[in-house]
């Protein structure tokens, strides 16, 4: 939906010796606010209670889970060159 449509990526760059891209959620529906609340949790107004959503850390978890597959694919494609 709108969350996926608002995702964009920076061009690859070197930061501290590591190849890096930056993921942005920008768009007219401001979904980046939802992504931030779900990824990091938030403090509830009034009670001060920390709210930890079930999907908390989902973006980071998805990156970690796909990391090995990414590097396997990268190595395989580089061998073709």
N, C-alpha and C. Protein backbone atom coordinates (compact mmCIF):
# COMPACT_ATOMS: atom_id res chain seq x y z
N UNK A 1 0.81 -1.17 0.00
CA UNK A 1 0.00 0.00 0.00
C UNK A 1 0.86 1.25 0.00
N UNK A 2 0.39 2.24 0.71
CA UNK A 2 1.05 3.54 0.74
C UNK A 2 2.45 3.45 1.34
N UNK A 3 2.63 2.59 2.32
CA UNK A 3 3.95 2.45 2.94
C UNK A 3 4.99 2.00 1.93
N UNK A 4 4.65 1.01 1.13
CA UNK A 4 5.59 0.50 0.12
C UNK A 4 5.82 1.54 -0.97
N UNK A 5 4.78 2.27 -1.35
CA UNK A 5 4.91 3.27 -2.41
C UNK A 5 5.79 4.44 -2.00
N UNK A 6 5.97 4.67 -0.72
CA UNK A 6 6.76 5.80 -0.25
C UNK A 6 8.23 5.45 0.02
N UNK A 7 8.63 4.22 -0.23
CA UNK A 7 10.01 3.81 0.01
C UNK A 7 10.90 4.27 -1.14
N UNK A 8 12.05 4.83 -0.80
CA UNK A 8 13.07 5.15 -1.80
C UNK A 8 14.44 4.85 -1.20
N UNK A 9 15.43 4.72 -2.07
CA UNK A 9 16.78 4.36 -1.63
C UNK A 9 17.78 5.38 -2.16
N UNK A 10 18.83 5.62 -1.39
CA UNK A 10 19.91 6.47 -1.88
C UNK A 10 20.78 5.65 -2.82
N UNK A 11 21.65 6.32 -3.53
CA UNK A 11 22.62 5.61 -4.36
C UNK A 11 23.65 4.98 -3.42
N UNK A 12 24.24 3.85 -3.80
CA UNK A 12 25.27 3.22 -2.96
C UNK A 12 26.45 4.17 -2.74
N UNK A 13 26.96 4.19 -1.52
CA UNK A 13 28.11 5.03 -1.19
C UNK A 13 28.96 4.34 -0.14
N UNK A 14 30.18 4.81 0.02
CA UNK A 14 31.08 4.26 1.03
C UNK A 14 30.99 5.11 2.28
N UNK A 15 30.70 4.48 3.42
CA UNK A 15 30.68 5.16 4.71
C UNK A 15 31.50 4.34 5.68
N UNK A 16 32.56 4.93 6.21
CA UNK A 16 33.47 4.24 7.14
C UNK A 16 33.96 2.91 6.59
N UNK A 17 34.28 2.89 5.30
CA UNK A 17 34.83 1.69 4.68
C UNK A 17 33.80 0.62 4.34
N UNK A 18 32.52 0.92 4.48
CA UNK A 18 31.47 -0.05 4.17
C UNK A 18 30.56 0.51 3.08
N UNK A 19 30.17 -0.37 2.17
CA UNK A 19 29.25 0.01 1.10
C UNK A 19 27.86 0.12 1.72
N UNK A 20 27.21 1.26 1.55
CA UNK A 20 25.98 1.55 2.26
C UNK A 20 24.94 2.21 1.36
N UNK A 21 23.66 1.92 1.62
CA UNK A 21 22.57 2.69 1.04
C UNK A 21 21.70 3.17 2.19
N UNK A 22 20.95 4.21 1.94
CA UNK A 22 20.03 4.72 2.94
C UNK A 22 18.61 4.52 2.42
N UNK A 23 17.75 4.01 3.28
CA UNK A 23 16.34 3.80 2.93
C UNK A 23 15.55 4.97 3.48
N UNK A 24 14.72 5.57 2.63
CA UNK A 24 13.88 6.70 3.03
C UNK A 24 12.42 6.35 2.84
N UNK A 25 11.58 6.80 3.75
CA UNK A 25 10.13 6.72 3.56
C UNK A 25 9.66 8.16 3.46
N UNK A 26 9.43 8.62 2.24
CA UNK A 26 8.98 9.99 2.02
C UNK A 26 7.80 9.96 1.06
N UNK A 27 6.79 10.71 1.38
CA UNK A 27 5.64 10.79 0.50
C UNK A 27 4.54 11.63 1.12
N UNK A 28 3.48 11.80 0.38
CA UNK A 28 2.39 12.67 0.80
C UNK A 28 1.62 12.14 2.02
N UNK A 29 1.72 10.85 2.29
CA UNK A 29 0.96 10.27 3.40
C UNK A 29 1.79 10.14 4.69
N UNK A 30 3.05 10.60 4.66
CA UNK A 30 3.92 10.63 5.85
C UNK A 30 4.02 9.30 6.57
N UNK A 31 4.18 8.22 5.83
CA UNK A 31 4.26 6.89 6.43
C UNK A 31 5.54 6.69 7.24
N UNK A 32 6.54 7.55 7.05
CA UNK A 32 7.77 7.41 7.82
C UNK A 32 7.50 7.50 9.31
N UNK A 33 6.47 8.23 9.70
CA UNK A 33 6.13 8.35 11.12
C UNK A 33 5.68 7.00 11.68
N UNK A 34 4.89 6.27 10.90
CA UNK A 34 4.43 4.95 11.33
C UNK A 34 5.59 3.98 11.40
N UNK A 35 6.47 4.03 10.39
CA UNK A 35 7.64 3.14 10.36
C UNK A 35 8.47 3.36 11.61
N UNK A 36 8.71 4.61 11.97
CA UNK A 36 9.53 4.92 13.14
C UNK A 36 8.88 4.40 14.43
N UNK A 37 7.58 4.60 14.58
CA UNK A 37 6.89 4.14 15.79
C UNK A 37 6.91 2.62 15.91
N UNK A 38 6.73 1.93 14.79
CA UNK A 38 6.72 0.47 14.81
C UNK A 38 8.13 -0.08 15.03
N UNK A 39 9.12 0.53 14.42
CA UNK A 39 10.49 0.02 14.51
C UNK A 39 11.10 0.23 15.89
N UNK A 40 10.81 1.36 16.53
CA UNK A 40 11.48 1.70 17.78
C UNK A 40 10.56 1.72 19.00
N UNK A 41 9.25 1.58 18.81
CA UNK A 41 8.33 1.70 19.92
C UNK A 41 8.11 3.17 20.27
N UNK A 42 7.30 3.44 21.28
CA UNK A 42 7.04 4.82 21.66
C UNK A 42 6.50 4.88 23.09
N UNK A 43 6.50 6.07 23.65
CA UNK A 43 5.98 6.29 25.00
C UNK A 43 4.57 6.86 24.87
N UNK A 44 3.62 6.25 25.56
CA UNK A 44 2.22 6.67 25.49
C UNK A 44 2.02 7.98 26.24
N UNK A 45 1.35 8.92 25.58
CA UNK A 45 1.06 10.20 26.23
C UNK A 45 0.17 9.97 27.45
N UNK A 46 0.41 10.74 28.48
CA UNK A 46 -0.44 10.66 29.67
C UNK A 46 0.07 9.66 30.69
N UNK A 47 0.29 8.42 30.27
CA UNK A 47 0.72 7.40 31.24
C UNK A 47 2.24 7.27 31.31
N UNK A 48 2.92 7.65 30.24
CA UNK A 48 4.37 7.50 30.20
C UNK A 48 4.82 6.06 30.01
N UNK A 49 3.87 5.18 29.70
CA UNK A 49 4.18 3.77 29.52
C UNK A 49 4.81 3.54 28.14
N UNK A 50 5.87 2.74 28.10
CA UNK A 50 6.52 2.42 26.83
C UNK A 50 5.70 1.37 26.10
N UNK A 51 5.38 1.63 24.85
CA UNK A 51 4.60 0.72 24.01
C UNK A 51 5.55 0.01 23.06
N UNK A 52 5.56 -1.32 23.14
CA UNK A 52 6.42 -2.13 22.28
C UNK A 52 5.52 -2.91 21.31
N UNK A 53 5.39 -2.43 20.06
CA UNK A 53 4.54 -3.12 19.09
C UNK A 53 5.06 -4.52 18.77
N UNK A 54 4.16 -5.43 18.36
CA UNK A 54 4.57 -6.79 18.01
C UNK A 54 5.61 -6.79 16.90
N UNK A 55 5.50 -5.84 15.98
CA UNK A 55 6.41 -5.78 14.84
C UNK A 55 7.67 -4.96 15.13
N UNK A 56 7.89 -4.59 16.38
CA UNK A 56 9.04 -3.76 16.72
C UNK A 56 10.34 -4.41 16.24
N UNK A 57 11.17 -3.63 15.56
CA UNK A 57 12.44 -4.13 15.05
C UNK A 57 12.30 -4.92 13.76
N UNK A 58 11.15 -4.87 13.13
CA UNK A 58 10.90 -5.67 11.93
C UNK A 58 11.79 -5.32 10.76
N UNK A 59 12.07 -4.05 10.55
CA UNK A 59 12.93 -3.64 9.44
C UNK A 59 14.34 -4.16 9.67
N UNK A 60 14.86 -3.96 10.87
CA UNK A 60 16.20 -4.44 11.20
C UNK A 60 16.28 -5.96 11.10
N UNK A 61 15.26 -6.64 11.58
CA UNK A 61 15.22 -8.10 11.52
C UNK A 61 15.21 -8.59 10.07
N UNK A 62 14.45 -7.94 9.21
CA UNK A 62 14.40 -8.32 7.79
C UNK A 62 15.75 -8.14 7.12
N UNK A 63 16.45 -7.08 7.47
CA UNK A 63 17.78 -6.85 6.91
C UNK A 63 18.74 -7.95 7.36
N UNK A 64 18.72 -8.29 8.64
CA UNK A 64 19.62 -9.33 9.16
C UNK A 64 19.31 -10.68 8.53
N UNK A 65 18.03 -11.02 8.37
CA UNK A 65 17.65 -12.32 7.81
C UNK A 65 18.04 -12.44 6.34
N UNK A 66 18.01 -11.36 5.61
CA UNK A 66 18.33 -11.41 4.19
C UNK A 66 19.80 -11.22 3.88
N UNK A 67 20.59 -10.93 4.88
CA UNK A 67 22.00 -10.60 4.69
C UNK A 67 22.78 -11.75 4.05
N UNK A 68 22.65 -12.96 4.55
CA UNK A 68 23.41 -14.10 4.00
C UNK A 68 23.03 -14.37 2.56
N UNK A 69 21.74 -14.35 2.27
CA UNK A 69 21.26 -14.59 0.91
C UNK A 69 21.81 -13.52 -0.04
N UNK A 70 21.83 -12.29 0.42
CA UNK A 70 22.36 -11.19 -0.38
C UNK A 70 23.82 -11.43 -0.74
N UNK A 71 24.63 -11.79 0.24
CA UNK A 71 26.05 -11.99 -0.02
C UNK A 71 26.31 -13.23 -0.88
N UNK A 72 25.51 -14.27 -0.70
CA UNK A 72 25.63 -15.46 -1.56
C UNK A 72 25.35 -15.09 -3.02
N UNK A 73 24.29 -14.33 -3.23
CA UNK A 73 23.93 -13.90 -4.59
C UNK A 73 25.01 -12.99 -5.17
N UNK A 74 25.52 -12.09 -4.37
CA UNK A 74 26.56 -11.18 -4.82
C UNK A 74 27.81 -11.95 -5.23
N UNK A 75 28.25 -12.90 -4.42
CA UNK A 75 29.43 -13.71 -4.75
C UNK A 75 29.21 -14.49 -6.03
N UNK A 76 28.03 -15.09 -6.18
CA UNK A 76 27.72 -15.88 -7.37
C UNK A 76 27.76 -15.00 -8.63
N UNK A 77 27.20 -13.82 -8.54
CA UNK A 77 27.17 -12.93 -9.70
C UNK A 77 28.56 -12.39 -10.02
N UNK A 78 29.36 -12.14 -9.01
CA UNK A 78 30.72 -11.65 -9.25
C UNK A 78 31.60 -12.72 -9.90
N UNK A 79 31.36 -13.98 -9.57
CA UNK A 79 32.11 -15.07 -10.19
C UNK A 79 31.82 -15.16 -11.68
N UNK A 80 30.63 -14.74 -12.09
CA UNK A 80 30.27 -14.76 -13.51
C UNK A 80 31.08 -13.76 -14.32
N UNK A 81 31.58 -12.74 -13.67
CA UNK A 81 32.35 -11.71 -14.37
C UNK A 81 33.71 -12.23 -14.62
